[in-house]
């Protein structure tokens, strides 16, 4: 029983792997060799609600998406996480405004 299930699992993984391996070559054969030009930030965010800040955010109410503009790549930022509201003074430590850690964040183009 175990061997039969293992063979079935290996077969499924093999089929999925073939799909991932051959999909890029099939796309190349279709003749889509010229990539489409990307829209500018102004074109992409036209009509969206701007939430200005250190990293400007654009809210798309129609699609429920939030877009973030990164003005400077390869620059390090300090990211703090904290509670906006809490349970008050308690033994759990869930106090309003308490910091829950920080990280150095760097956005890179890939």
Protein backbone atom coordinates (compact mmCIF):
# COMPACT_ATOMS: atom_id res chain seq x y z
CA UNK A 1 0.00 0.00 0.00
CA UNK A 2 2.80 2.40 0.94
CA UNK A 3 4.77 1.62 -2.23
CA UNK A 4 1.73 2.22 -4.40
CA UNK A 5 1.13 5.60 -2.76
CA UNK A 6 4.81 6.47 -3.13
CA UNK A 7 4.77 5.60 -6.84
CA UNK A 8 1.65 7.70 -7.30
CA UNK A 9 3.27 10.65 -5.52
CA UNK A 10 6.47 10.36 -7.57
CA UNK A 11 4.39 10.29 -10.76
CA UNK A 12 2.48 13.43 -9.82
CA UNK A 13 5.69 15.25 -8.87
CA UNK A 14 7.27 14.16 -12.17
CA UNK A 15 4.34 15.46 -14.21
CA UNK A 16 4.36 18.77 -12.34
CA UNK A 17 8.11 19.11 -12.84
CA UNK A 18 7.75 18.55 -16.59
CA UNK A 19 5.16 21.30 -16.69
CA UNK A 20 7.50 23.75 -14.99
CA UNK A 21 10.48 22.75 -17.13
CA UNK A 22 8.77 22.93 -20.53
CA UNK A 23 6.48 25.94 -19.94
CA UNK A 24 9.19 28.57 -20.65
CA UNK A 25 10.20 26.88 -23.92
CA UNK A 26 6.60 26.73 -25.09
CA UNK A 27 6.20 30.45 -24.36
CA UNK A 28 9.35 31.21 -26.37
CA UNK A 29 8.02 29.21 -29.34
CA UNK A 30 4.87 31.32 -29.49
CA UNK A 31 6.87 34.25 -30.83
CA UNK A 32 6.44 36.67 -27.92
CA UNK A 33 10.05 37.82 -28.18
CA UNK A 34 9.36 41.55 -27.69
CA UNK A 35 8.41 42.33 -24.09
CA UNK A 36 5.68 44.87 -23.51
CA UNK A 37 6.77 48.26 -22.19
CA UNK A 38 5.97 48.77 -18.53
CA UNK A 39 3.65 51.68 -17.69
CA UNK A 40 5.10 54.66 -15.84
CA UNK A 41 4.21 55.22 -12.19
CA UNK A 42 1.97 58.14 -13.17
CA UNK A 43 0.07 55.94 -15.67
CA UNK A 44 -0.24 53.02 -13.24
CA UNK A 45 -1.47 55.17 -10.34
CA UNK A 46 -3.80 57.49 -12.27
CA UNK A 47 -7.11 57.72 -10.41
CA UNK A 48 -5.84 55.90 -7.30
CA UNK A 49 -5.98 57.33 -3.77
CA UNK A 50 -2.54 58.57 -2.68
CA UNK A 51 -1.43 57.97 0.92
CA UNK A 52 1.72 60.07 1.04
CA UNK A 53 4.57 59.22 3.37
CA UNK A 54 8.17 58.05 3.39
CA UNK A 55 7.08 55.30 0.97
CA UNK A 56 4.04 56.59 -0.97
CA UNK A 57 1.10 54.17 -1.10
CA UNK A 58 -1.64 54.10 -3.73
CA UNK A 59 -5.00 52.47 -2.89
CA UNK A 60 -7.03 50.93 -5.73
CA UNK A 61 -10.59 50.68 -4.36
CA UNK A 62 -11.93 48.91 -7.47
CA UNK A 63 -9.54 45.94 -7.30
CA UNK A 64 -8.75 46.09 -3.57
CA UNK A 65 -5.01 46.44 -4.18
CA UNK A 66 -2.40 48.53 -2.44
CA UNK A 67 0.59 49.69 -4.49
CA UNK A 68 3.80 50.99 -2.91
CA UNK A 69 6.20 53.33 -4.69
CA UNK A 70 9.85 52.81 -3.78
CA UNK A 71 11.60 56.09 -4.60
CA UNK A 72 15.13 54.84 -3.84
CA UNK A 73 16.36 51.31 -4.43
CA UNK A 74 19.35 49.83 -2.57
CA UNK A 75 18.83 52.15 0.42
CA UNK A 76 18.47 50.73 3.92
CA UNK A 77 15.44 51.60 6.08
CA UNK A 78 14.73 50.78 9.72
CA UNK A 79 11.37 49.03 10.06
CA UNK A 80 9.73 49.05 13.50
CA UNK A 81 6.71 46.94 14.43
CA UNK A 82 4.51 48.11 17.29
CA UNK A 83 0.99 47.92 18.66
CA UNK A 84 -1.40 50.75 17.81
CA UNK A 85 -3.75 49.55 20.54
CA UNK A 86 -3.33 47.11 23.37
CA UNK A 87 -4.98 45.51 26.37
CA UNK A 88 -3.61 47.97 28.90
CA UNK A 89 -1.20 47.07 31.65
CA UNK A 90 -1.17 43.30 31.91
CA UNK A 91 1.16 40.37 32.34
CA UNK A 92 1.03 39.52 28.63
CA UNK A 93 2.91 42.66 27.63
CA UNK A 94 0.34 43.72 25.03
CA UNK A 95 0.55 47.40 25.94
CA UNK A 96 -0.45 50.15 23.53
CA UNK A 97 2.56 51.56 21.69
CA UNK A 98 4.86 48.71 22.71
CA UNK A 99 7.54 47.90 20.16
CA UNK A 100 7.66 44.29 18.95
CA UNK A 101 10.94 44.31 17.08
CA UNK A 102 12.80 46.09 14.33
CA UNK A 103 14.56 45.11 11.13
CA UNK A 104 16.77 46.68 8.50
CA UNK A 105 14.89 46.60 5.17
CA UNK A 106 16.49 47.10 1.77
CA UNK A 107 14.59 47.04 -1.54
CA UNK A 108 16.53 45.64 -4.50
CA UNK A 109 15.57 45.26 -8.15
CA UNK A 110 15.43 41.62 -9.21
